[in-house]
């Protein structure tokens, strides 16, 4: 995700800008080098593909669901959220790792407690 998007307003972002944290887990952000218009197009494609996954499930159409999952994966790869990392310093990909078990542990421990959500 890039600076100023809605996820960075709701979730803490690691100091290096590579991940945001949801329920203690690191999620890789989009490549910040993507031009804004390209990023917007890819996000639109990602959301359409996610809707297609749901529609295929509701229709019990396995082939359509497989195609929709492939489209989700393609959009996430293009955004830099999956596949090869977009940074160049050789740091490992910690996507989906618990923040408390990574080099971000001290930073994460120092964050203020997250407010409770209505579902909690």
PDB file of N, CA and C in Angstrom:
ATOM      1  N   UNK A   1       0.853  -1.169   0.000  1.00  0.00           N
ATOM      2  CA  UNK A   1       0.000   0.000   0.000  1.00  0.00           C
ATOM      3  C   UNK A   1       0.901   1.235   0.000  1.00  0.00           C
ATOM      4  N   UNK A   2       0.458   2.264  -0.578  1.00  0.00           N
ATOM      5  CA  UNK A   2       1.285   3.452  -0.644  1.00  0.00           C
ATOM      6  C   UNK A   2       0.862   4.450   0.422  1.00  0.00           C
ATOM      7  N   UNK A   3       1.735   5.390   0.684  1.00  0.00           N
ATOM      8  CA  UNK A   3       1.466   6.390   1.708  1.00  0.00           C
ATOM      9  C   UNK A   3       0.170   7.121   1.387  1.00  0.00           C
ATOM     10  N   UNK A   4      -0.615   7.355   2.430  1.00  0.00           N
ATOM     11  CA  UNK A   4      -1.845   8.100   2.265  1.00  0.00           C
ATOM     12  C   UNK A   4      -3.049   7.263   1.914  1.00  0.00           C
ATOM     13  N   UNK A   5      -2.872   5.951   1.732  1.00  0.00           N
ATOM     14  CA  UNK A   5      -4.054   5.153   1.418  1.00  0.00           C
ATOM     15  C   UNK A   5      -4.788   4.799   2.700  1.00  0.00           C
ATOM     16  N   UNK A   6      -5.968   4.211   2.560  1.00  0.00           N
ATOM     17  CA  UNK A   6      -6.814   3.998   3.727  1.00  0.00           C
ATOM     18  C   UNK A   6      -6.223   2.997   4.714  1.00  0.00           C
ATOM     19  N   UNK A   7      -5.453   2.006   4.281  1.00  0.00           N
ATOM     20  CA  UNK A   7      -4.894   1.034   5.217  1.00  0.00           C
ATOM     21  C   UNK A   7      -3.874   1.680   6.141  1.00  0.00           C
ATOM     22  N   UNK A   8      -3.090   2.642   5.642  1.00  0.00           N
ATOM     23  CA  UNK A   8      -2.097   3.273   6.491  1.00  0.00           C
ATOM     24  C   UNK A   8      -2.760   4.152   7.538  1.00  0.00           C
ATOM     25  N   UNK A   9      -3.987   4.549   7.313  1.00  0.00           N
ATOM     26  CA  UNK A   9      -4.713   5.321   8.313  1.00  0.00           C
ATOM     27  C   UNK A   9      -5.246   4.427   9.425  1.00  0.00           C
ATOM     28  N   UNK A  10      -5.514   3.155   9.122  1.00  0.00           N
ATOM     29  CA  UNK A  10      -6.118   2.250  10.100  1.00  0.00           C
ATOM     30  C   UNK A  10      -5.131   1.326  10.778  1.00  0.00           C
ATOM     31  N   UNK A  11      -4.017   1.027  10.116  1.00  0.00           N
ATOM     32  CA  UNK A  11      -3.089   0.030  10.627  1.00  0.00           C
ATOM     33  C   UNK A  11      -1.684   0.615  10.717  1.00  0.00           C
ATOM     34  N   UNK A  12      -0.926   0.206  11.740  1.00  0.00           N
ATOM     35  CA  UNK A  12       0.445   0.710  11.838  1.00  0.00           C
ATOM     36  C   UNK A  12       1.307   0.189  10.687  1.00  0.00           C
ATOM     37  N   UNK A  13       2.219   1.021  10.252  1.00  0.00           N
ATOM     38  CA  UNK A  13       3.145   0.687   9.172  1.00  0.00           C
ATOM     39  C   UNK A  13       4.544   0.619   9.768  1.00  0.00           C
ATOM     40  N   UNK A  14       5.297  -0.417   9.396  1.00  0.00           N
ATOM     41  CA  UNK A  14       6.651  -0.573   9.914  1.00  0.00           C
ATOM     42  C   UNK A  14       7.497   0.645   9.552  1.00  0.00           C
ATOM     43  N   UNK A  15       8.512   0.937  10.357  1.00  0.00           N
ATOM     44  CA  UNK A  15       9.324   2.131  10.100  1.00  0.00           C
ATOM     45  C   UNK A  15       9.942   2.185   8.700  1.00  0.00           C
ATOM     46  N   UNK A  16      10.224   1.031   8.114  1.00  0.00           N
ATOM     47  CA  UNK A  16      10.805   1.021   6.770  1.00  0.00           C
ATOM     48  C   UNK A  16       9.748   1.063   5.670  1.00  0.00           C
ATOM     49  N   UNK A  17       8.462   1.050   6.046  1.00  0.00           N
ATOM     50  CA  UNK A  17       7.376   1.163   5.079  1.00  0.00           C
ATOM     51  C   UNK A  17       7.072  -0.096   4.291  1.00  0.00           C
ATOM     52  N   UNK A  18       7.653  -1.221   4.679  1.00  0.00           N
ATOM     53  CA  UNK A  18       7.457  -2.453   3.902  1.00  0.00           C
ATOM     54  C   UNK A  18       6.174  -3.197   4.248  1.00  0.00           C
ATOM     55  N   UNK A  19       5.714  -3.061   5.480  1.00  0.00           N
ATOM     56  CA  UNK A  19       4.565  -3.845   5.943  1.00  0.00           C
ATOM     57  C   UNK A  19       3.604  -2.963   6.718  1.00  0.00           C
ATOM     58  N   UNK A  20       2.344  -3.381   6.764  1.00  0.00           N
ATOM     59  CA  UNK A  20       1.402  -2.861   7.747  1.00  0.00           C
ATOM     60  C   UNK A  20       1.026  -4.044   8.626  1.00  0.00           C
ATOM     61  N   UNK A  21       0.498  -3.763   9.807  1.00  0.00           N
ATOM     62  CA  UNK A  21       0.237  -4.808  10.793  1.00  0.00           C
ATOM     63  C   UNK A  21      -1.253  -4.881  11.080  1.00  0.00           C
ATOM     64  N   UNK A  22      -1.800  -6.083  10.962  1.00  0.00           N
ATOM     65  CA  UNK A  22      -3.199  -6.351  11.293  1.00  0.00           C
ATOM     66  C   UNK A  22      -3.209  -7.521  12.264  1.00  0.00           C
ATOM     67  N   UNK A  23      -3.798  -7.296  13.451  1.00  0.00           N
ATOM     68  CA  UNK A  23      -3.875  -8.319  14.490  1.00  0.00           C
ATOM     69  C   UNK A  23      -2.528  -8.991  14.734  1.00  0.00           C
ATOM     70  N   UNK A  24      -1.481  -8.172  14.760  1.00  0.00           N
ATOM     71  CA  UNK A  24      -0.152  -8.654  15.086  1.00  0.00           C
ATOM     72  C   UNK A  24       0.613  -9.288  13.944  1.00  0.00           C
ATOM     73  N   UNK A  25       0.021  -9.356  12.772  1.00  0.00           N
ATOM     74  CA  UNK A  25       0.661 -10.023  11.636  1.00  0.00           C
ATOM     75  C   UNK A  25       1.101  -8.989  10.596  1.00  0.00           C
ATOM     76  N   UNK A  26       2.286  -9.200  10.024  1.00  0.00           N
ATOM     77  CA  UNK A  26       2.817  -8.320   8.984  1.00  0.00           C
ATOM     78  C   UNK A  26       2.206  -8.668   7.630  1.00  0.00           C
ATOM     79  N   UNK A  27       1.811  -7.632   6.896  1.00  0.00           N
ATOM     80  CA  UNK A  27       1.288  -7.799   5.536  1.00  0.00           C
ATOM     81  C   UNK A  27       2.065  -6.851   4.635  1.00  0.00           C
ATOM     82  N   UNK A  28       2.618  -7.400   3.564  1.00  0.00           N
ATOM     83  CA  UNK A  28       3.452  -6.602   2.670  1.00  0.00           C
ATOM     84  C   UNK A  28       2.632  -5.518   1.981  1.00  0.00           C
ATOM     85  N   UNK A  29       3.205  -4.322   1.937  1.00  0.00           N
ATOM     86  CA  UNK A  29       2.565  -3.200   1.259  1.00  0.00           C
ATOM     87  C   UNK A  29       2.913  -3.210  -0.222  1.00  0.00           C
ATOM     88  N   UNK A  30       2.143  -2.489  -0.972  1.00  0.00           N
ATOM     89  CA  UNK A  30       2.409  -2.341  -2.405  1.00  0.00           C
ATOM     90  C   UNK A  30       3.734  -1.623  -2.625  1.00  0.00           C
ATOM     91  N   UNK A  31       4.313  -1.859  -3.767  1.00  0.00           N
ATOM     92  CA  UNK A  31       5.566  -1.220  -4.154  1.00  0.00           C
ATOM     93  C   UNK A  31       5.336   0.293  -4.265  1.00  0.00           C
ATOM     94  N   UNK A  32       6.017   1.086  -3.442  1.00  0.00           N
ATOM     95  CA  UNK A  32       5.790   2.539  -3.475  1.00  0.00           C
ATOM     96  C   UNK A  32       6.297   3.200  -4.754  1.00  0.00           C
ATOM     97  N   UNK A  33       7.057   2.482  -5.552  1.00  0.00           N
ATOM     98  CA  UNK A  33       7.561   3.046  -6.810  1.00  0.00           C
ATOM     99  C   UNK A  33       6.525   3.007  -7.927  1.00  0.00           C
ATOM    100  N   UNK A  34       5.415   2.306  -7.708  1.00  0.00           N
ATOM    101  CA  UNK A  34       4.375   2.251  -8.743  1.00  0.00           C
ATOM    102  C   UNK A  34       3.766   3.637  -8.943  1.00  0.00           C
ATOM    103  N   UNK A  35       3.608   4.064 -10.178  1.00  0.00           N
ATOM    104  CA  UNK A  35       2.909   5.332 -10.417  1.00  0.00           C
ATOM    105  C   UNK A  35       1.472   5.242  -9.889  1.00  0.00           C
ATOM    106  N   UNK A  36       0.965   6.340  -9.391  1.00  0.00           N
ATOM    107  CA  UNK A  36      -0.363   6.361  -8.766  1.00  0.00           C
ATOM    108  C   UNK A  36      -1.448   5.828  -9.701  1.00  0.00           C
ATOM    109  N   UNK A  37      -1.394   6.191 -10.977  1.00  0.00           N
ATOM    110  CA  UNK A  37      -2.435   5.718 -11.893  1.00  0.00           C
ATOM    111  C   UNK A  37      -2.339   4.212 -12.120  1.00  0.00           C
ATOM    112  N   UNK A  38      -1.130   3.679 -12.195  1.00  0.00           N
ATOM    113  CA  UNK A  38      -0.953   2.227 -12.365  1.00  0.00           C
ATOM    114  C   UNK A  38      -1.430   1.499 -11.122  1.00  0.00           C
ATOM    115  N   UNK A  39      -1.081   2.035  -9.951  1.00  0.00           N
ATOM    116  CA  UNK A  39      -1.513   1.426  -8.700  1.00  0.00           C
ATOM    117  C   UNK A  39      -3.033   1.413  -8.617  1.00  0.00           C
ATOM    118  N   UNK A  40      -3.672   2.517  -8.963  1.00  0.00           N
ATOM    119  CA  UNK A  40      -5.136   2.594  -8.917  1.00  0.00           C
ATOM    120  C   UNK A  40      -5.770   1.568  -9.852  1.00  0.00           C
ATOM    121  N   UNK A  41      -5.202   1.401 -11.035  1.00  0.00           N
ATOM    122  CA  UNK A  41      -5.717   0.401 -11.978  1.00  0.00           C
ATOM    123  C   UNK A  41      -5.588  -0.998 -11.395  1.00  0.00           C
ATOM    124  N   UNK A  42      -4.432  -1.303 -10.826  1.00  0.00           N
ATOM    125  CA  UNK A  42      -4.210  -2.631 -10.251  1.00  0.00           C
ATOM    126  C   UNK A  42      -5.121  -2.895  -9.057  1.00  0.00           C
ATOM    127  N   UNK A  43      -5.327  -1.892  -8.221  1.00  0.00           N
ATOM    128  CA  UNK A  43      -6.231  -2.060  -7.077  1.00  0.00           C
ATOM    129  C   UNK A  43      -7.651  -2.303  -7.569  1.00  0.00           C
ATOM    130  N   UNK A  44      -8.061  -1.594  -8.605  1.00  0.00           N
ATOM    131  CA  UNK A  44      -9.389  -1.813  -9.183  1.00  0.00           C
ATOM    132  C   UNK A  44      -9.515  -3.237  -9.717  1.00  0.00           C
ATOM    133  N   UNK A  45      -8.475  -3.715 -10.395  1.00  0.00           N
ATOM    134  CA  UNK A  45      -8.480  -5.091 -10.899  1.00  0.00           C
ATOM    135  C   UNK A  45      -8.519  -6.097  -9.745  1.00  0.00           C
ATOM    136  N   UNK A  46      -7.781  -5.813  -8.685  1.00  0.00           N
ATOM    137  CA  UNK A  46      -7.770  -6.693  -7.516  1.00  0.00           C
ATOM    138  C   UNK A  46      -9.157  -6.778  -6.889  1.00  0.00           C
ATOM    139  N   UNK A  47      -9.804  -5.644  -6.712  1.00  0.00           N
ATOM    140  CA  UNK A  47     -11.134  -5.650  -6.099  1.00  0.00           C
ATOM    141  C   UNK A  47     -12.143  -6.383  -6.987  1.00  0.00           C
ATOM    142  N   UNK A  48     -12.058  -6.184  -8.293  1.00  0.00           N
ATOM    143  CA  UNK A  48     -12.957  -6.895  -9.214  1.00  0.00           C
ATOM    144  C   UNK A  48     -12.717  -8.401  -9.131  1.00  0.00           C
ATOM    145  N   UNK A  49     -11.463  -8.797  -9.042  1.00  0.00           N
ATOM    146  CA  UNK A  49     -11.144 -10.226  -8.942  1.00  0.00           C
ATOM    147  C   UNK A  49     -11.656 -10.806  -7.628  1.00  0.00           C
ATOM    148  N   UNK A  50     -11.543 -10.049  -6.543  1.00  0.00           N
ATOM    149  CA  UNK A  50     -12.068 -10.529  -5.256  1.00  0.00           C
ATOM    150  C   UNK A  50     -13.585 -10.683  -5.309  1.00  0.00           C
ATOM    151  N   UNK A  51     -14.255  -9.730  -5.957  1.00  0.00           N
ATOM    152  CA  UNK A  51     -15.707  -9.867  -6.113  1.00  0.00           C
ATOM    153  C   UNK A  51     -16.038 -11.091  -6.956  1.00  0.00           C
ATOM    154  N   UNK A  52     -15.219 -11.358  -7.971  1.00  0.00           N
ATOM    155  CA  UNK A  52     -15.441 -12.525  -8.830  1.00  0.00           C
ATOM    156  C   UNK A  52     -15.264 -13.826  -8.055  1.00  0.00           C
ATOM    157  N   UNK A  53     -14.344 -13.855  -7.101  1.00  0.00           N
ATOM    158  CA  UNK A  53     -14.182 -15.039  -6.246  1.00  0.00           C
ATOM    159  C   UNK A  53     -15.485 -15.297  -5.502  1.00  0.00           C
ATOM    160  N   UNK A  54     -16.029 -14.252  -4.891  1.00  0.00           N
ATOM    161  CA  UNK A  54     -17.279 -14.405  -4.146  1.00  0.00           C
ATOM    162  C   UNK A  54     -18.432 -14.843  -5.028  1.00  0.00           C
ATOM    163  N   UNK A  55     -18.534 -14.239  -6.198  1.00  0.00           N
ATOM    164  CA  UNK A  55     -19.618 -14.607  -7.116  1.00  0.00           C
ATOM    165  C   UNK A  55     -19.486 -16.061  -7.549  1.00  0.00           C
ATOM    166  N   UNK A  56     -18.271 -16.497  -7.819  1.00  0.00           N
ATOM    167  CA  UNK A  56     -18.054 -17.886  -8.236  1.00  0.00           C
ATOM    168  C   UNK A  56     -18.400 -18.855  -7.111  1.00  0.00           C
ATOM    169  N   UNK A  57     -18.059 -18.477  -5.892  1.00  0.00           N
ATOM    170  CA  UNK A  57     -18.404 -19.344  -4.755  1.00  0.00           C
ATOM    171  C   UNK A  57     -19.911 -19.448  -4.590  1.00  0.00           C
ATOM    172  N   UNK A  58     -20.582 -18.300  -4.692  1.00  0.00           N
ATOM    173  CA  UNK A  58     -22.043 -18.316  -4.553  1.00  0.00           C
ATOM    174  C   UNK A  58     -22.694 -19.139  -5.659  1.00  0.00           C
ATOM    175  N   UNK A  59     -22.084 -19.143  -6.834  1.00  0.00           N
ATOM    176  CA  UNK A  59     -22.613 -19.907  -7.967  1.00  0.00           C
ATOM    177  C   UNK A  59     -22.112 -21.352  -7.964  1.00  0.00           C
ATOM    178  N   UNK A  60     -21.256 -21.676  -7.006  1.00  0.00           N
ATOM    179  CA  UNK A  60     -20.662 -23.022  -6.917  1.00  0.00           C
ATOM    180  C   UNK A  60     -19.983 -23.403  -8.232  1.00  0.00           C
ATOM    181  N   UNK A  61     -19.242 -22.430  -8.792  1.00  0.00           N
ATOM    182  CA  UNK A  61     -18.558 -22.609 -10.079  1.00  0.00           C
ATOM    183  C   UNK A  61     -17.053 -22.689  -9.821  1.00  0.00           C
ATOM    184  N   UNK A  62     -16.552 -23.904  -9.697  1.00  0.00           N
ATOM    185  CA  UNK A  62     -15.141 -24.108  -9.360  1.00  0.00           C
ATOM    186  C   UNK A  62     -14.190 -23.528 -10.403  1.00  0.00           C
ATOM    187  N   UNK A  63     -14.517 -23.683 -11.664  1.00  0.00           N
ATOM    188  CA  UNK A  63     -13.642 -23.169 -12.724  1.00  0.00           C
ATOM    189  C   UNK A  63     -13.563 -21.646 -12.670  1.00  0.00           C
ATOM    190  N   UNK A  64     -14.702 -20.992 -12.474  1.00  0.00           N
ATOM    191  CA  UNK A  64     -14.714 -19.532 -12.376  1.00  0.00           C
ATOM    192  C   UNK A  64     -13.968 -19.076 -11.128  1.00  0.00           C
ATOM    193  N   UNK A  65     -14.105 -19.829 -10.043  1.00  0.00           N
ATOM    194  CA  UNK A  65     -13.383 -19.474  -8.821  1.00  0.00           C
ATOM    195  C   UNK A  65     -11.875 -19.587  -9.036  1.00  0.00           C
ATOM    196  N   UNK A  66     -11.438 -20.636  -9.717  1.00  0.00           N
ATOM    197  CA  UNK A  66     -10.008 -20.791 -10.012  1.00  0.00           C
ATOM    198  C   UNK A  66      -9.491 -19.621 -10.851  1.00  0.00           C
ATOM    199  N   UNK A  67     -10.266 -19.214 -11.853  1.00  0.00           N
ATOM    200  CA  UNK A  67      -9.866 -18.074 -12.694  1.00  0.00           C
ATOM    201  C   UNK A  67      -9.803 -16.789 -11.864  1.00  0.00           C
ATOM    202  N   UNK A  68     -10.778 -16.612 -10.977  1.00  0.00           N
ATOM    203  CA  UNK A  68     -10.806 -15.411 -10.145  1.00  0.00           C
ATOM    204  C   UNK A  68      -9.623 -15.385  -9.179  1.00  0.00           C
ATOM    205  N   UNK A  69      -9.300 -16.529  -8.580  1.00  0.00           N
ATOM    206  CA  UNK A  69      -8.129 -16.589  -7.691  1.00  0.00           C
ATOM    207  C   UNK A  69      -6.850 -16.265  -8.463  1.00  0.00           C
ATOM    208  N   UNK A  70      -6.755 -16.743  -9.688  1.00  0.00           N
ATOM    209  CA  UNK A  70      -5.586 -16.436 -10.521  1.00  0.00           C
ATOM    210  C   UNK A  70      -5.503 -14.937 -10.800  1.00  0.00           C
ATOM    211  N   UNK A  71      -6.649 -14.294 -11.003  1.00  0.00           N
ATOM    212  CA  UNK A  71      -6.669 -12.850 -11.240  1.00  0.00           C
ATOM    213  C   UNK A  71      -6.268 -12.085  -9.984  1.00  0.00           C
ATOM    214  N   UNK A  72      -6.709 -12.550  -8.815  1.00  0.00           N
ATOM    215  CA  UNK A  72      -6.285 -11.932  -7.550  1.00  0.00           C
ATOM    216  C   UNK A  72      -4.771 -12.036  -7.432  1.00  0.00           C
ATOM    217  N   UNK A  73      -4.239 -13.222  -7.667  1.00  0.00           N
ATOM    218  CA  UNK A  73      -2.799 -13.433  -7.557  1.00  0.00           C
ATOM    219  C   UNK A  73      -2.034 -12.540  -8.530  1.00  0.00           C
ATOM    220  N   UNK A  74      -2.513 -12.433  -9.758  1.00  0.00           N
ATOM    221  CA  UNK A  74      -1.838 -11.597 -10.758  1.00  0.00           C
ATOM    222  C   UNK A  74      -1.807 -10.136 -10.324  1.00  0.00           C
ATOM    223  N   UNK A  75      -2.911  -9.639  -9.785  1.00  0.00           N
ATOM    224  CA  UNK A  75      -2.955  -8.246  -9.332  1.00  0.00           C
ATOM    225  C   UNK A  75      -2.016  -8.032  -8.156  1.00  0.00           C
ATOM    226  N   UNK A  76      -2.008  -8.962  -7.204  1.00  0.00           N
ATOM    227  CA  UNK A  76      -1.132  -8.829  -6.042  1.00  0.00           C
ATOM    228  C   UNK A  76       0.343  -8.906  -6.443  1.00  0.00           C
ATOM    229  N   UNK A  77       0.655  -9.765  -7.404  1.00  0.00           N
ATOM    230  CA  UNK A  77       2.032  -9.818  -7.917  1.00  0.00           C
ATOM    231  C   UNK A  77       2.416  -8.485  -8.555  1.00  0.00           C
ATOM    232  N   UNK A  78       1.535  -7.932  -9.375  1.00  0.00           N
ATOM    233  CA  UNK A  78       1.820  -6.664 -10.048  1.00  0.00           C
ATOM    234  C   UNK A  78       1.949  -5.513  -9.057  1.00  0.00           C
ATOM    235  N   UNK A  79       1.196  -5.569  -7.967  1.00  0.00           N
ATOM    236  CA  UNK A  79       1.281  -4.540  -6.930  1.00  0.00           C
ATOM    237  C   UNK A  79       2.538  -4.681  -6.074  1.00  0.00           C
ATOM    238  N   UNK A  80       3.167  -5.834  -6.118  1.00  0.00           N
ATOM    239  CA  UNK A  80       4.340  -6.080  -5.282  1.00  0.00           C
ATOM    240  C   UNK A  80       4.005  -6.659  -3.931  1.00  0.00           C
ATOM    241  N   UNK A  81       2.739  -7.038  -3.722  1.00  0.00           N
ATOM    242  CA  UNK A  81       2.316  -7.592  -2.438  1.00  0.00           C
ATOM    243  C   UNK A  81       2.619  -9.083  -2.330  1.00  0.00           C
ATOM    244  N   UNK A  82       2.911  -9.719  -3.446  1.00  0.00           N
ATOM    245  CA  UNK A  82       3.323 -11.125  -3.505  1.00  0.00           C
ATOM    246  C   UNK A  82       4.499 -11.222  -4.464  1.00  0.00           C
ATOM    247  N   UNK A  83       5.137 -12.380  -4.448  1.00  0.00           N
ATOM    248  CA  UNK A  83       6.249 -12.601  -5.372  1.00  0.00           C
ATOM    249  C   UNK A  83       7.527 -11.976  -4.856  1.00  0.00           C
ATOM    250  N   UNK A  84       8.450 -11.682  -5.766  1.00  0.00           N
ATOM    251  CA  UNK A  84       9.730 -11.103  -5.344  1.00  0.00           C
ATOM    252  C   UNK A  84       9.512  -9.788  -4.596  1.00  0.00           C
ATOM    253  N   UNK A  85      10.327  -9.568  -3.576  1.00  0.00           N
ATOM    254  CA  UNK A  85      10.194  -8.327  -2.801  1.00  0.00           C
ATOM    255  C   UNK A  85      10.592  -7.141  -3.667  1.00  0.00           C
ATOM    256  N   UNK A  86      10.046  -5.989  -3.343  1.00  0.00           N
ATOM    257  CA  UNK A  86      10.328  -4.791  -4.125  1.00  0.00           C
ATOM    258  C   UNK A  86      11.502  -3.992  -3.573  1.00  0.00           C
ATOM    259  N   UNK A  87      11.990  -4.338  -2.401  1.00  0.00           N
ATOM    260  CA  UNK A  87      13.146  -3.630  -1.856  1.00  0.00           C
ATOM    261  C   UNK A  87      14.411  -4.338  -2.326  1.00  0.00           C
ATOM    262  N   UNK A  88      15.531  -3.629  -2.230  1.00  0.00           N
ATOM    263  CA  UNK A  88      16.761  -4.128  -2.854  1.00  0.00           C
ATOM    264  C   UNK A  88      17.916  -4.330  -1.885  1.00  0.00           C
ATOM    265  N   UNK A  89      17.652  -4.267  -0.585  1.00  0.00           N
ATOM    266  CA  UNK A  89      18.754  -4.379   0.376  1.00  0.00           C
ATOM    267  C   UNK A  89      19.015  -5.806   0.851  1.00  0.00           C
ATOM    268  N   UNK A  90      18.312  -6.770   0.283  1.00  0.00           N
ATOM    269  CA  UNK A  90      18.534  -8.163   0.646  1.00  0.00           C
ATOM    270  C   UNK A  90      17.771  -8.637   1.865  1.00  0.00           C
ATOM    271  N   UNK A  91      16.976  -7.764   2.481  1.00  0.00           N
ATOM    272  CA  UNK A  91      16.195  -8.166   3.657  1.00  0.00           C
ATOM    273  C   UNK A  91      15.167  -9.217   3.246  1.00  0.00           C
ATOM    274  N   UNK A  92      14.911 -10.192   4.138  1.00  0.00           N
ATOM    275  CA  UNK A  92      13.968 -11.257   3.789  1.00  0.00           C
ATOM    276  C   UNK A  92      12.526 -10.756   3.749  1.00  0.00           C
ATOM    277  N   UNK A  93      11.689 -11.545   3.114  1.00  0.00           N
ATOM    278  CA  UNK A  93      10.256 -11.257   3.085  1.00  0.00           C
ATOM    279  C   UNK A  93       9.634 -11.837   4.344  1.00  0.00           C
ATOM    280  N   UNK A  94       9.053 -10.992   5.160  1.00  0.00           N
ATOM    281  CA  UNK A  94       8.420 -11.421   6.406  1.00  0.00           C
ATOM    282  C   UNK A  94       6.902 -11.350   6.313  1.00  0.00           C
ATOM    283  N   UNK A  95       6.376 -11.326   5.108  1.00  0.00           N
ATOM    284  CA  UNK A  95       4.934 -11.268   4.907  1.00  0.00           C
ATOM    285  C   UNK A  95       4.248 -12.394   5.677  1.00  0.00           C
ATOM    286  N   UNK A  96       3.210 -12.041   6.391  1.00  0.00           N
ATOM    287  CA  UNK A  96       2.369 -12.941   7.184  1.00  0.00           C
ATOM    288  C   UNK A  96       3.024 -13.447   8.467  1.00  0.00           C
ATOM    289  N   UNK A  97       4.238 -13.029   8.755  1.00  0.00           N
ATOM    290  CA  UNK A  97       4.864 -13.410  10.019  1.00  0.00           C
ATOM    291  C   UNK A  97       4.247 -12.582  11.147  1.00  0.00           C
ATOM    292  N   UNK A  98       4.263 -13.142  12.346  1.00  0.00           N
ATOM    293  CA  UNK A  98       3.851 -12.373  13.513  1.00  0.00           C
ATOM    294  C   UNK A  98       4.924 -11.328  13.799  1.00  0.00           C
ATOM    295  N   UNK A  99       4.512 -10.086  13.961  1.00  0.00           N
ATOM    296  CA  UNK A  99       5.469  -9.003  14.173  1.00  0.00           C
ATOM    297  C   UNK A  99       6.353  -9.271  15.388  1.00  0.00           C
ATOM    298  N   UNK A 100       5.794  -9.870  16.424  1.00  0.00           N
ATOM    299  CA  UNK A 100       6.555 -10.098  17.659  1.00  0.00           C
ATOM    300  C   UNK A 100       7.671 -11.119  17.506  1.00  0.00           C
ATOM    301  N   UNK A 101       7.701 -11.864  16.388  1.00  0.00           N
ATOM    302  CA  UNK A 101       8.752 -12.863  16.173  1.00  0.00           C
ATOM    303  C   UNK A 101       9.715 -12.443  15.064  1.00  0.00           C
ATOM    304  N   UNK A 102       9.730 -11.169  14.734  1.00  0.00           N
ATOM    305  CA  UNK A 102      10.554 -10.657  13.636  1.00  0.00           C
ATOM    306  C   UNK A 102      11.481  -9.561  14.156  1.00  0.00           C
ATOM    307  N   UNK A 103      12.358  -9.052  13.314  1.00  0.00           N
ATOM    308  CA  UNK A 103      13.187  -7.911  13.721  1.00  0.00           C
ATOM    309  C   UNK A 103      12.369  -6.662  14.078  1.00  0.00           C
ATOM    310  N   UNK A 104      11.075  -6.662  13.785  1.00  0.00           N
ATOM    311  CA  UNK A 104      10.201  -5.539  14.136  1.00  0.00           C
ATOM    312  C   UNK A 104       9.622  -5.679  15.548  1.00  0.00           C
ATOM    313  N   UNK A 105      10.014  -6.686  16.293  1.00  0.00           N
ATOM    314  CA  UNK A 105       9.407  -6.992  17.590  1.00  0.00           C
ATOM    315  C   UNK A 105       9.452  -5.807  18.552  1.00  0.00           C
ATOM    316  N   UNK A 106      10.596  -5.162  18.707  1.00  0.00           N
ATOM    317  CA  UNK A 106      10.693  -4.038  19.646  1.00  0.00           C
ATOM    318  C   UNK A 106       9.810  -2.879  19.200  1.00  0.00           C
ATOM    319  N   UNK A 107       9.827  -2.579  17.912  1.00  0.00           N
ATOM    320  CA  UNK A 107       8.963  -1.517  17.388  1.00  0.00           C
ATOM    321  C   UNK A 107       7.505  -1.855  17.666  1.00  0.00           C
ATOM    322  N   UNK A 108       7.113  -3.095  17.385  1.00  0.00           N
ATOM    323  CA  UNK A 108       5.727  -3.520  17.572  1.00  0.00           C
ATOM    324  C   UNK A 108       5.329  -3.449  19.043  1.00  0.00           C
ATOM    325  N   UNK A 109       6.207  -3.892  19.934  1.00  0.00           N
ATOM    326  CA  UNK A 109       5.906  -3.875  21.370  1.00  0.00           C
ATOM    327  C   UNK A 109       5.715  -2.454  21.892  1.00  0.00           C
ATOM    328  N   UNK A 110       6.353  -1.484  21.265  1.00  0.00           N
ATOM    329  CA  UNK A 110       6.253  -0.095  21.713  1.00  0.00           C
ATOM    330  C   UNK A 110       5.014   0.625  21.190  1.00  0.00           C
ATOM    331  N   UNK A 111       4.261  -0.007  20.300  1.00  0.00           N
ATOM    332  CA  UNK A 111       3.051   0.635  19.770  1.00  0.00           C
ATOM    333  C   UNK A 111       1.996   0.757  20.858  1.00  0.00           C
ATOM    334  N   UNK A 112       1.186   1.811  20.817  1.00  0.00           N
ATOM    335  CA  UNK A 112       0.064   1.888  21.763  1.00  0.00           C
ATOM    336  C   UNK A 112      -0.933   0.778  21.457  1.00  0.00           C
ATOM    337  N   UNK A 113      -1.682   0.342  22.459  1.00  0.00           N
ATOM    338  CA  UNK A 113      -2.676  -0.713  22.207  1.00  0.00           C
ATOM    339  C   UNK A 113      -3.682  -0.270  21.146  1.00  0.00           C
ATOM    340  N   UNK A 114      -4.048  -1.206  20.300  1.00  0.00           N
ATOM    341  CA  UNK A 114      -5.046  -0.918  19.266  1.00  0.00           C
ATOM    342  C   UNK A 114      -6.412  -0.800  19.916  1.00  0.00           C
ATOM    343  N   UNK A 115      -7.242   0.130  19.456  1.00  0.00           N
ATOM    344  CA  UNK A 115      -8.595   0.224  20.006  1.00  0.00           C
ATOM    345  C   UNK A 115      -9.393  -1.028  19.654  1.00  0.00           C
ATOM    346  N   UNK A 116     -10.282  -1.406  20.532  1.00  0.00           N
ATOM    347  CA  UNK A 116     -11.136  -2.576  20.283  1.00  0.00           C
ATOM    348  C   UNK A 116     -12.073  -2.276  19.124  1.00  0.00           C
ATOM    349  N   UNK A 117     -12.313  -3.277  18.313  1.00  0.00           N
ATOM    350  CA  UNK A 117     -13.260  -3.124  17.212  1.00  0.00           C
ATOM    351  C   UNK A 117     -14.613  -3.644  17.667  1.00  0.00           C
ATOM    352  N   UNK A 118     -15.691  -3.238  17.010  1.00  0.00           N
ATOM    353  CA  UNK A 118     -17.027  -3.683  17.426  1.00  0.00           C
ATOM    354  C   UNK A 118     -17.188  -5.200  17.450  1.00  0.00           C
ATOM    355  N   UNK A 119     -16.421  -5.926  16.623  1.00  0.00           N
ATOM    356  CA  UNK A 119     -16.574  -7.381  16.580  1.00  0.00           C
ATOM    357  C   UNK A 119     -15.843  -8.077  17.717  1.00  0.00           C
ATOM    358  N   UNK A 120     -15.041  -7.348  18.471  1.00  0.00           N
ATOM    359  CA  UNK A 120     -14.274  -7.975  19.554  1.00  0.00           C
ATOM    360  C   UNK A 120     -15.026  -7.957  20.862  1.00  0.00           C
TER     361      UNK A 120
END
